[in-house]
N, C-alpha and C. Protein backbone atom coordinates (compact mmCIF):
# COMPACT_ATOMS: atom_id res chain seq x y z
N MET A 1 -33.22 -31.25 19.62
CA MET A 1 -33.09 -29.90 19.13
C MET A 1 -33.20 -29.91 17.61
N ALA A 2 -33.99 -29.03 17.08
CA ALA A 2 -34.22 -28.97 15.64
C ALA A 2 -33.04 -28.30 14.95
N SER A 3 -32.75 -28.80 13.74
CA SER A 3 -31.66 -28.18 12.97
C SER A 3 -32.13 -26.83 12.43
N PRO A 4 -31.21 -25.90 12.26
CA PRO A 4 -31.58 -24.55 11.84
C PRO A 4 -32.07 -24.47 10.40
N GLY A 5 -32.01 -25.53 9.66
CA GLY A 5 -32.46 -25.50 8.27
C GLY A 5 -31.28 -25.24 7.33
N PRO A 6 -31.59 -25.23 6.06
CA PRO A 6 -30.51 -25.06 5.08
C PRO A 6 -29.92 -23.64 5.14
N VAL A 7 -28.64 -23.59 4.93
CA VAL A 7 -27.93 -22.32 4.91
C VAL A 7 -27.81 -21.87 3.46
N ASP A 8 -28.18 -20.64 3.22
CA ASP A 8 -28.09 -20.08 1.87
C ASP A 8 -26.67 -19.57 1.64
N PRO A 9 -25.91 -20.21 0.74
CA PRO A 9 -24.52 -19.80 0.50
C PRO A 9 -24.39 -18.35 0.05
N ALA A 10 -25.36 -17.87 -0.70
CA ALA A 10 -25.30 -16.47 -1.16
C ALA A 10 -25.45 -15.51 0.01
N SER A 11 -26.30 -15.85 0.99
CA SER A 11 -26.45 -15.00 2.17
C SER A 11 -25.19 -14.99 3.01
N VAL A 12 -24.58 -16.14 3.16
CA VAL A 12 -23.33 -16.23 3.91
C VAL A 12 -22.26 -15.41 3.19
N ALA A 13 -22.19 -15.54 1.87
CA ALA A 13 -21.21 -14.77 1.09
C ALA A 13 -21.45 -13.28 1.24
N MET A 14 -22.71 -12.85 1.25
CA MET A 14 -23.00 -11.42 1.39
C MET A 14 -22.61 -10.91 2.77
N GLN A 15 -22.84 -11.69 3.82
CA GLN A 15 -22.43 -11.29 5.16
C GLN A 15 -20.90 -11.18 5.25
N GLU A 16 -20.22 -12.14 4.64
CA GLU A 16 -18.77 -12.08 4.63
C GLU A 16 -18.30 -10.87 3.83
N PHE A 17 -18.97 -10.60 2.71
CA PHE A 17 -18.64 -9.44 1.88
C PHE A 17 -18.78 -8.15 2.69
N ILE A 18 -19.86 -7.99 3.42
CA ILE A 18 -20.09 -6.79 4.22
C ILE A 18 -18.98 -6.62 5.27
N SER A 19 -18.61 -7.72 5.91
CA SER A 19 -17.54 -7.67 6.91
C SER A 19 -16.21 -7.29 6.28
N LEU A 20 -15.90 -7.87 5.15
CA LEU A 20 -14.63 -7.58 4.49
C LEU A 20 -14.58 -6.16 3.94
N ARG A 21 -15.69 -5.66 3.43
CA ARG A 21 -15.72 -4.27 2.95
C ARG A 21 -15.51 -3.31 4.11
N ALA A 22 -16.05 -3.65 5.29
CA ALA A 22 -15.81 -2.81 6.47
C ALA A 22 -14.33 -2.81 6.84
N GLU A 23 -13.68 -3.97 6.73
CA GLU A 23 -12.25 -4.02 7.02
C GLU A 23 -11.46 -3.19 6.01
N ILE A 24 -11.86 -3.21 4.74
CA ILE A 24 -11.21 -2.39 3.73
C ILE A 24 -11.36 -0.91 4.11
N GLY A 25 -12.56 -0.52 4.55
CA GLY A 25 -12.78 0.87 4.96
C GLY A 25 -11.90 1.27 6.14
N THR A 26 -11.78 0.38 7.11
CA THR A 26 -10.94 0.67 8.27
C THR A 26 -9.47 0.79 7.87
N ARG A 27 -9.03 -0.12 7.02
CA ARG A 27 -7.63 -0.07 6.59
C ARG A 27 -7.35 1.15 5.71
N THR A 28 -8.31 1.55 4.91
CA THR A 28 -8.14 2.76 4.09
C THR A 28 -8.02 3.99 4.98
N ALA A 29 -8.84 4.06 6.02
CA ALA A 29 -8.74 5.19 6.97
C ALA A 29 -7.38 5.17 7.67
N SER A 30 -6.90 3.99 8.01
CA SER A 30 -5.57 3.89 8.64
C SER A 30 -4.48 4.34 7.68
N GLN A 31 -4.62 3.98 6.40
CA GLN A 31 -3.64 4.43 5.41
C GLN A 31 -3.61 5.96 5.34
N ASN A 32 -4.78 6.57 5.37
CA ASN A 32 -4.83 8.04 5.34
C ASN A 32 -4.14 8.63 6.56
N GLY A 33 -4.30 8.01 7.72
CA GLY A 33 -3.61 8.47 8.92
C GLY A 33 -2.10 8.35 8.78
N VAL A 34 -1.64 7.25 8.20
CA VAL A 34 -0.20 7.06 7.98
C VAL A 34 0.33 8.13 7.03
N ILE A 35 -0.42 8.43 5.98
CA ILE A 35 -0.02 9.48 5.04
C ILE A 35 0.08 10.82 5.75
N ASN A 36 -0.90 11.13 6.58
CA ASN A 36 -0.87 12.40 7.32
C ASN A 36 0.36 12.49 8.21
N ILE A 37 0.66 11.41 8.92
CA ILE A 37 1.85 11.40 9.78
C ILE A 37 3.10 11.63 8.95
N ALA A 38 3.21 10.94 7.83
CA ALA A 38 4.41 11.06 6.98
C ALA A 38 4.56 12.48 6.44
N VAL A 39 3.47 13.06 5.94
CA VAL A 39 3.54 14.40 5.35
C VAL A 39 3.94 15.43 6.40
N VAL A 40 3.33 15.38 7.57
CA VAL A 40 3.63 16.35 8.62
C VAL A 40 5.08 16.18 9.10
N ALA A 41 5.49 14.95 9.34
CA ALA A 41 6.85 14.72 9.84
C ALA A 41 7.90 15.09 8.80
N VAL A 42 7.70 14.72 7.55
CA VAL A 42 8.66 15.08 6.50
C VAL A 42 8.72 16.60 6.34
N GLY A 43 7.57 17.25 6.38
CA GLY A 43 7.54 18.72 6.28
C GLY A 43 8.28 19.37 7.44
N ALA A 44 8.06 18.86 8.64
CA ALA A 44 8.73 19.45 9.81
C ALA A 44 10.25 19.23 9.75
N ILE A 45 10.67 18.03 9.44
CA ILE A 45 12.11 17.74 9.36
C ILE A 45 12.75 18.51 8.22
N GLY A 46 12.09 18.51 7.06
CA GLY A 46 12.61 19.25 5.91
C GLY A 46 12.68 20.74 6.18
N GLY A 47 11.65 21.29 6.79
CA GLY A 47 11.65 22.71 7.14
C GLY A 47 12.75 23.05 8.11
N PHE A 48 12.94 22.18 9.08
CA PHE A 48 14.00 22.41 10.06
C PHE A 48 15.37 22.33 9.40
N ALA A 49 15.58 21.30 8.58
CA ALA A 49 16.90 21.09 7.97
C ALA A 49 17.23 22.13 6.91
N PHE A 50 16.27 22.50 6.10
CA PHE A 50 16.54 23.44 5.01
C PHE A 50 16.25 24.89 5.39
N GLY A 51 15.62 25.10 6.52
CA GLY A 51 15.24 26.45 6.93
C GLY A 51 16.33 27.21 7.64
N SER A 52 17.38 26.54 8.01
CA SER A 52 18.46 27.20 8.74
C SER A 52 19.80 26.72 8.20
N ASN A 53 20.73 27.64 8.07
CA ASN A 53 22.07 27.28 7.59
C ASN A 53 22.90 26.63 8.68
N ASN A 54 22.47 26.71 9.91
CA ASN A 54 23.26 26.20 11.03
C ASN A 54 22.93 24.76 11.39
N VAL A 55 21.99 24.14 10.70
CA VAL A 55 21.56 22.79 11.06
C VAL A 55 22.48 21.77 10.40
N ASN A 56 22.85 20.78 11.16
CA ASN A 56 23.67 19.70 10.65
C ASN A 56 22.86 18.90 9.64
N PRO A 57 23.42 18.62 8.45
CA PRO A 57 22.66 17.86 7.44
C PRO A 57 22.32 16.44 7.88
N LEU A 58 22.99 15.95 8.93
CA LEU A 58 22.66 14.62 9.45
C LEU A 58 21.21 14.53 9.92
N VAL A 59 20.61 15.67 10.23
CA VAL A 59 19.20 15.69 10.63
C VAL A 59 18.34 15.01 9.55
N LEU A 60 18.73 15.16 8.29
CA LEU A 60 17.96 14.57 7.20
C LEU A 60 18.01 13.05 7.21
N LEU A 61 18.97 12.47 7.92
CA LEU A 61 19.00 11.01 8.01
C LEU A 61 17.83 10.47 8.82
N ILE A 62 17.16 11.32 9.56
CA ILE A 62 15.94 10.91 10.27
C ILE A 62 14.84 10.55 9.28
N LEU A 63 14.91 11.12 8.08
CA LEU A 63 13.86 10.87 7.09
C LEU A 63 13.76 9.40 6.70
N VAL A 64 14.89 8.73 6.55
CA VAL A 64 14.84 7.34 6.09
C VAL A 64 14.07 6.44 7.05
N PRO A 65 14.41 6.40 8.35
CA PRO A 65 13.60 5.55 9.22
C PRO A 65 12.13 5.97 9.27
N LEU A 66 11.91 7.27 9.17
CA LEU A 66 10.53 7.77 9.19
C LEU A 66 9.74 7.28 7.98
N VAL A 67 10.28 7.49 6.79
CA VAL A 67 9.54 7.09 5.60
C VAL A 67 9.47 5.57 5.47
N VAL A 68 10.48 4.87 5.94
CA VAL A 68 10.42 3.41 5.89
C VAL A 68 9.35 2.89 6.85
N ALA A 69 9.32 3.40 8.06
CA ALA A 69 8.32 2.95 9.04
C ALA A 69 6.90 3.25 8.57
N THR A 70 6.66 4.48 8.14
CA THR A 70 5.30 4.82 7.68
C THR A 70 4.98 4.13 6.37
N GLY A 71 5.97 4.03 5.49
CA GLY A 71 5.74 3.37 4.21
C GLY A 71 5.43 1.90 4.36
N LEU A 72 6.12 1.21 5.27
CA LEU A 72 5.82 -0.21 5.50
C LEU A 72 4.43 -0.40 6.10
N GLN A 73 4.02 0.52 6.96
CA GLN A 73 2.65 0.43 7.49
C GLN A 73 1.65 0.63 6.37
N TRP A 74 1.90 1.62 5.51
CA TRP A 74 1.01 1.88 4.38
C TRP A 74 0.96 0.66 3.47
N LEU A 75 2.13 0.06 3.19
CA LEU A 75 2.17 -1.14 2.33
C LEU A 75 1.42 -2.31 2.96
N ASP A 76 1.53 -2.46 4.27
CA ASP A 76 0.81 -3.54 4.94
C ASP A 76 -0.69 -3.39 4.73
N HIS A 77 -1.19 -2.18 4.90
CA HIS A 77 -2.61 -1.95 4.67
C HIS A 77 -2.96 -2.16 3.20
N ALA A 78 -2.14 -1.64 2.29
CA ALA A 78 -2.41 -1.79 0.86
C ALA A 78 -2.42 -3.27 0.47
N HIS A 79 -1.49 -4.03 1.00
CA HIS A 79 -1.42 -5.46 0.69
C HIS A 79 -2.67 -6.18 1.20
N SER A 80 -3.09 -5.86 2.41
CA SER A 80 -4.29 -6.49 2.97
C SER A 80 -5.52 -6.11 2.17
N ILE A 81 -5.63 -4.84 1.80
CA ILE A 81 -6.76 -4.39 0.98
C ILE A 81 -6.78 -5.14 -0.35
N TYR A 82 -5.62 -5.25 -0.96
CA TYR A 82 -5.51 -5.97 -2.23
C TYR A 82 -5.95 -7.43 -2.06
N LYS A 83 -5.46 -8.09 -1.01
CA LYS A 83 -5.82 -9.49 -0.78
C LYS A 83 -7.32 -9.65 -0.52
N ILE A 84 -7.88 -8.76 0.27
CA ILE A 84 -9.32 -8.82 0.55
C ILE A 84 -10.11 -8.63 -0.74
N GLY A 85 -9.73 -7.62 -1.52
CA GLY A 85 -10.42 -7.37 -2.79
C GLY A 85 -10.32 -8.55 -3.74
N THR A 86 -9.16 -9.16 -3.81
CA THR A 86 -8.99 -10.33 -4.67
C THR A 86 -9.84 -11.49 -4.17
N TYR A 87 -9.86 -11.69 -2.86
CA TYR A 87 -10.70 -12.75 -2.29
C TYR A 87 -12.17 -12.51 -2.61
N ILE A 88 -12.62 -11.28 -2.47
CA ILE A 88 -14.01 -10.97 -2.79
C ILE A 88 -14.29 -11.28 -4.26
N ARG A 89 -13.42 -10.84 -5.15
CA ARG A 89 -13.64 -11.01 -6.58
C ARG A 89 -13.55 -12.47 -7.01
N VAL A 90 -12.57 -13.21 -6.44
CA VAL A 90 -12.31 -14.56 -6.91
C VAL A 90 -13.13 -15.62 -6.17
N GLU A 91 -13.38 -15.42 -4.88
CA GLU A 91 -14.07 -16.43 -4.09
C GLU A 91 -15.53 -16.10 -3.78
N LEU A 92 -15.77 -14.88 -3.28
CA LEU A 92 -17.14 -14.56 -2.85
C LEU A 92 -18.08 -14.25 -4.01
N TRP A 93 -17.61 -13.40 -4.92
CA TRP A 93 -18.52 -12.96 -5.98
C TRP A 93 -19.01 -14.12 -6.85
N PRO A 94 -18.19 -15.11 -7.16
CA PRO A 94 -18.71 -16.25 -7.93
C PRO A 94 -19.83 -16.99 -7.20
N ARG A 95 -19.79 -17.02 -5.87
CA ARG A 95 -20.89 -17.66 -5.12
C ARG A 95 -22.20 -16.89 -5.30
N VAL A 96 -22.09 -15.57 -5.33
CA VAL A 96 -23.28 -14.75 -5.54
C VAL A 96 -23.77 -14.94 -6.98
N HIS A 97 -22.85 -14.96 -7.92
CA HIS A 97 -23.22 -15.21 -9.31
C HIS A 97 -23.89 -16.57 -9.45
N GLY A 98 -23.40 -17.57 -8.70
CA GLY A 98 -23.99 -18.90 -8.75
C GLY A 98 -25.44 -18.89 -8.31
N LYS A 99 -25.77 -18.03 -7.38
CA LYS A 99 -27.14 -17.95 -6.87
C LYS A 99 -28.05 -17.13 -7.78
N PHE A 100 -27.54 -16.00 -8.25
CA PHE A 100 -28.38 -15.07 -8.98
C PHE A 100 -28.07 -14.97 -10.47
N GLY A 101 -27.03 -15.61 -10.90
CA GLY A 101 -26.66 -15.55 -12.31
C GLY A 101 -25.71 -14.39 -12.57
N LYS A 102 -25.18 -14.34 -13.76
CA LYS A 102 -24.18 -13.33 -14.14
C LYS A 102 -24.79 -11.96 -14.37
N SER A 103 -26.09 -11.80 -14.21
CA SER A 103 -26.72 -10.50 -14.46
C SER A 103 -26.34 -9.45 -13.41
N ILE A 104 -25.85 -9.88 -12.25
CA ILE A 104 -25.44 -8.96 -11.21
C ILE A 104 -24.00 -8.57 -11.45
N VAL A 105 -23.74 -7.29 -11.59
CA VAL A 105 -22.39 -6.79 -11.82
C VAL A 105 -21.93 -6.09 -10.54
N SER A 106 -20.74 -6.45 -10.08
CA SER A 106 -20.21 -5.80 -8.88
C SER A 106 -19.65 -4.44 -9.25
N TYR A 107 -19.45 -3.60 -8.25
CA TYR A 107 -18.87 -2.28 -8.47
C TYR A 107 -17.48 -2.42 -9.09
N GLU A 108 -16.70 -3.36 -8.57
CA GLU A 108 -15.35 -3.56 -9.09
C GLU A 108 -15.37 -3.95 -10.56
N GLU A 109 -16.31 -4.83 -10.94
CA GLU A 109 -16.43 -5.21 -12.35
C GLU A 109 -16.84 -4.01 -13.20
N PHE A 110 -17.76 -3.21 -12.69
CA PHE A 110 -18.24 -2.04 -13.42
C PHE A 110 -17.10 -1.04 -13.65
N VAL A 111 -16.32 -0.77 -12.61
CA VAL A 111 -15.22 0.18 -12.72
C VAL A 111 -14.18 -0.29 -13.73
N LEU A 112 -13.95 -1.59 -13.77
CA LEU A 112 -12.91 -2.13 -14.64
C LEU A 112 -13.38 -2.44 -16.05
N LEU A 113 -14.64 -2.18 -16.36
CA LEU A 113 -15.16 -2.53 -17.68
C LEU A 113 -14.36 -1.90 -18.82
N ASP A 114 -14.02 -0.64 -18.71
CA ASP A 114 -13.39 0.07 -19.81
C ASP A 114 -11.90 0.32 -19.63
N GLN A 115 -11.28 -0.32 -18.67
CA GLN A 115 -9.85 -0.08 -18.48
C GLN A 115 -9.15 -1.35 -18.02
N PRO A 116 -7.90 -1.46 -18.39
CA PRO A 116 -7.16 -2.64 -17.93
C PRO A 116 -6.87 -2.53 -16.43
N ARG A 117 -6.74 -3.67 -15.80
CA ARG A 117 -6.52 -3.70 -14.35
C ARG A 117 -5.21 -3.03 -13.96
N TRP A 118 -4.18 -3.09 -14.83
CA TRP A 118 -2.90 -2.46 -14.49
C TRP A 118 -3.06 -0.97 -14.28
N ARG A 119 -3.98 -0.33 -15.02
CA ARG A 119 -4.17 1.12 -14.86
C ARG A 119 -4.76 1.43 -13.49
N GLU A 120 -5.69 0.63 -13.07
CA GLU A 120 -6.29 0.83 -11.74
C GLU A 120 -5.23 0.69 -10.65
N ARG A 121 -4.35 -0.28 -10.79
CA ARG A 121 -3.36 -0.55 -9.77
C ARG A 121 -2.14 0.36 -9.89
N SER A 122 -1.97 1.02 -11.01
CA SER A 122 -0.79 1.87 -11.20
C SER A 122 -0.79 3.10 -10.30
N VAL A 123 -1.91 3.39 -9.66
CA VAL A 123 -1.92 4.51 -8.71
C VAL A 123 -1.03 4.23 -7.51
N LEU A 124 -0.55 3.01 -7.40
CA LEU A 124 0.36 2.65 -6.32
C LEU A 124 1.78 3.12 -6.58
N VAL A 125 2.06 3.67 -7.78
CA VAL A 125 3.43 4.00 -8.14
C VAL A 125 3.77 5.45 -7.80
N ILE A 126 3.19 6.41 -8.48
CA ILE A 126 3.58 7.82 -8.34
C ILE A 126 3.35 8.34 -6.93
N PRO A 127 2.16 8.17 -6.34
CA PRO A 127 1.98 8.67 -4.97
C PRO A 127 2.97 8.06 -3.98
N PHE A 128 3.25 6.78 -4.11
CA PHE A 128 4.19 6.13 -3.19
C PHE A 128 5.59 6.70 -3.37
N LEU A 129 5.99 6.92 -4.63
CA LEU A 129 7.30 7.52 -4.88
C LEU A 129 7.40 8.90 -4.23
N ILE A 130 6.37 9.71 -4.39
CA ILE A 130 6.39 11.08 -3.87
C ILE A 130 6.35 11.10 -2.34
N LEU A 131 5.48 10.29 -1.75
CA LEU A 131 5.28 10.35 -0.30
C LEU A 131 6.35 9.63 0.52
N PHE A 132 6.82 8.50 0.04
CA PHE A 132 7.67 7.67 0.88
C PHE A 132 9.11 7.54 0.36
N ILE A 133 9.27 7.26 -0.89
CA ILE A 133 10.63 7.05 -1.41
C ILE A 133 11.33 8.38 -1.67
N GLY A 134 10.63 9.35 -2.23
CA GLY A 134 11.22 10.63 -2.57
C GLY A 134 11.89 11.35 -1.41
N PRO A 135 11.20 11.56 -0.29
CA PRO A 135 11.85 12.27 0.83
C PRO A 135 13.09 11.56 1.36
N GLY A 136 13.04 10.24 1.46
CA GLY A 136 14.22 9.52 1.93
C GLY A 136 15.38 9.65 0.95
N ALA A 137 15.07 9.55 -0.34
CA ALA A 137 16.12 9.67 -1.37
C ALA A 137 16.72 11.07 -1.37
N VAL A 138 15.88 12.10 -1.25
CA VAL A 138 16.38 13.48 -1.21
C VAL A 138 17.30 13.67 0.00
N GLY A 139 16.87 13.17 1.15
CA GLY A 139 17.70 13.28 2.35
C GLY A 139 19.04 12.58 2.18
N LEU A 140 19.02 11.39 1.58
CA LEU A 140 20.27 10.66 1.37
C LEU A 140 21.19 11.38 0.40
N VAL A 141 20.65 11.92 -0.67
CA VAL A 141 21.49 12.65 -1.64
C VAL A 141 22.08 13.89 -0.99
N TYR A 142 21.26 14.63 -0.25
CA TYR A 142 21.73 15.86 0.39
C TYR A 142 22.85 15.56 1.39
N VAL A 143 22.67 14.51 2.18
CA VAL A 143 23.70 14.15 3.16
C VAL A 143 24.95 13.66 2.44
N ALA A 144 24.81 12.91 1.36
CA ALA A 144 25.99 12.43 0.61
C ALA A 144 26.80 13.59 0.06
N ILE A 145 26.12 14.63 -0.39
CA ILE A 145 26.82 15.81 -0.91
C ILE A 145 27.58 16.52 0.20
N ARG A 146 27.04 16.52 1.40
CA ARG A 146 27.63 17.27 2.51
C ARG A 146 28.44 16.42 3.49
N ALA A 147 28.50 15.11 3.25
CA ALA A 147 29.21 14.22 4.19
C ALA A 147 30.68 14.60 4.29
N SER A 148 31.17 14.62 5.52
CA SER A 148 32.54 15.08 5.71
C SER A 148 33.40 14.15 6.57
N ASN A 149 32.81 13.11 7.16
CA ASN A 149 33.62 12.24 7.99
C ASN A 149 33.14 10.79 7.89
N ALA A 150 33.91 9.90 8.45
CA ALA A 150 33.62 8.47 8.34
C ALA A 150 32.32 8.09 9.03
N LEU A 151 32.02 8.71 10.16
CA LEU A 151 30.79 8.40 10.88
C LEU A 151 29.56 8.77 10.04
N THR A 152 29.62 9.90 9.37
CA THR A 152 28.52 10.31 8.50
C THR A 152 28.35 9.29 7.38
N TRP A 153 29.45 8.88 6.78
CA TRP A 153 29.36 7.89 5.70
C TRP A 153 28.85 6.55 6.19
N LEU A 154 29.22 6.17 7.40
CA LEU A 154 28.73 4.92 7.97
C LEU A 154 27.22 4.98 8.18
N ALA A 155 26.74 6.07 8.77
CA ALA A 155 25.29 6.24 8.98
C ALA A 155 24.58 6.29 7.63
N TRP A 156 25.15 7.02 6.70
CA TRP A 156 24.55 7.13 5.36
C TRP A 156 24.46 5.76 4.69
N SER A 157 25.52 4.97 4.79
CA SER A 157 25.54 3.64 4.16
C SER A 157 24.48 2.72 4.76
N ALA A 158 24.34 2.77 6.08
CA ALA A 158 23.32 1.95 6.74
C ALA A 158 21.92 2.36 6.26
N GLU A 159 21.71 3.63 6.11
CA GLU A 159 20.40 4.10 5.68
C GLU A 159 20.13 3.79 4.22
N VAL A 160 21.16 3.79 3.40
CA VAL A 160 20.99 3.38 2.01
C VAL A 160 20.53 1.92 1.97
N PHE A 161 21.15 1.07 2.79
CA PHE A 161 20.76 -0.33 2.86
C PHE A 161 19.28 -0.46 3.27
N VAL A 162 18.88 0.28 4.29
CA VAL A 162 17.49 0.24 4.76
C VAL A 162 16.55 0.71 3.65
N MET A 163 16.93 1.78 2.96
CA MET A 163 16.10 2.31 1.88
C MET A 163 15.98 1.31 0.72
N LEU A 164 17.06 0.64 0.39
CA LEU A 164 17.01 -0.37 -0.68
C LEU A 164 16.12 -1.55 -0.29
N TYR A 165 16.19 -1.95 0.98
CA TYR A 165 15.29 -3.00 1.46
C TYR A 165 13.83 -2.56 1.32
N PHE A 166 13.57 -1.34 1.72
CA PHE A 166 12.23 -0.78 1.63
C PHE A 166 11.73 -0.76 0.18
N ILE A 167 12.57 -0.32 -0.71
CA ILE A 167 12.20 -0.28 -2.13
C ILE A 167 11.94 -1.69 -2.65
N SER A 168 12.74 -2.66 -2.20
CA SER A 168 12.50 -4.04 -2.65
C SER A 168 11.16 -4.57 -2.15
N MET A 169 10.77 -4.19 -0.94
CA MET A 169 9.46 -4.59 -0.42
C MET A 169 8.34 -3.98 -1.27
N TRP A 170 8.50 -2.72 -1.63
CA TRP A 170 7.51 -2.02 -2.45
C TRP A 170 7.41 -2.67 -3.83
N VAL A 171 8.55 -2.95 -4.44
CA VAL A 171 8.56 -3.57 -5.77
C VAL A 171 7.92 -4.96 -5.70
N SER A 172 8.19 -5.70 -4.65
CA SER A 172 7.59 -7.02 -4.48
C SER A 172 6.06 -6.90 -4.41
N PHE A 173 5.57 -5.92 -3.66
CA PHE A 173 4.12 -5.71 -3.58
C PHE A 173 3.57 -5.31 -4.95
N LEU A 174 4.26 -4.42 -5.65
CA LEU A 174 3.80 -3.99 -6.98
C LEU A 174 3.73 -5.17 -7.94
N ARG A 175 4.73 -6.02 -7.91
CA ARG A 175 4.73 -7.18 -8.80
C ARG A 175 3.52 -8.06 -8.52
N GLU A 176 3.20 -8.24 -7.26
CA GLU A 176 2.04 -9.06 -6.92
C GLU A 176 0.75 -8.38 -7.37
N ALA A 177 0.65 -7.09 -7.13
CA ALA A 177 -0.59 -6.38 -7.46
C ALA A 177 -0.80 -6.21 -8.96
N LEU A 178 0.28 -6.17 -9.71
CA LEU A 178 0.16 -5.93 -11.15
C LEU A 178 0.28 -7.21 -11.99
N ARG A 179 0.51 -8.33 -11.35
CA ARG A 179 0.66 -9.57 -12.11
C ARG A 179 -0.66 -9.97 -12.74
N SER A 180 -0.66 -11.08 -13.36
CA SER A 180 -1.83 -11.50 -14.13
C SER A 180 -3.02 -11.85 -13.24
N ASP A 181 -3.18 -11.13 -12.22
CA ASP A 181 -4.32 -11.17 -11.32
C ASP A 181 -4.85 -12.55 -10.98
N VAL A 182 -4.20 -13.18 -10.04
CA VAL A 182 -4.58 -14.48 -9.53
C VAL A 182 -4.86 -15.42 -10.70
N VAL A 183 -3.87 -15.54 -11.55
CA VAL A 183 -3.95 -16.35 -12.75
C VAL A 183 -5.27 -16.09 -13.44
N ALA A 184 -5.41 -14.82 -13.87
CA ALA A 184 -6.59 -14.35 -14.58
C ALA A 184 -7.87 -14.76 -13.86
N ASP A 185 -7.90 -14.44 -12.56
CA ASP A 185 -9.06 -14.76 -11.72
C ASP A 185 -9.42 -16.24 -11.81
N ARG A 186 -8.36 -17.03 -11.63
CA ARG A 186 -8.49 -18.50 -11.68
C ARG A 186 -9.20 -18.93 -12.96
N ASP A 187 -8.67 -18.38 -14.04
CA ASP A 187 -9.17 -18.68 -15.40
C ASP A 187 -10.66 -18.38 -15.52
N SER A 188 -11.04 -17.22 -14.96
CA SER A 188 -12.43 -16.73 -15.00
C SER A 188 -13.41 -17.73 -14.42
N THR A 189 -12.98 -18.43 -13.39
CA THR A 189 -13.77 -19.41 -12.62
C THR A 189 -14.68 -20.27 -13.42
């Protein structure tokens, strides 16, 4: 049986790039779905809790598990997208540059030409605060103001612990995404 001949590393890299970009697209669509679920559920719970004077404020404690569950799913997708993008930039793109020279500029390089990388990644802060951390924090504050018995305080305390864990996961992801970018892209390869 004859051997298939030499394999072009740039072609292999481009096929891998196409596959990884498709995964980024799929994960981005999933993130949008998670955001939609969170917005609708927070709106419904908030409307129910604040729309009637007869509703027990404990209803707002539902917000914490909701925002934590959806927020962790969103973070999982964001983390995977970040890792895929870093792999493309640090591992795949240098192979393409090796074949064709530095004259080929990737979209990511073009976008980042006039701005620091921290600015691009900082979009992970305000939207995440508004969509995931804010509703849980508002619910916890509202319940703390209205708490009247030990069971309410016990539930509230457990949810504060869950919320703090969630925030620590988010901060951990932010630190990774905003750090010196894979040791300055492995010292610019």
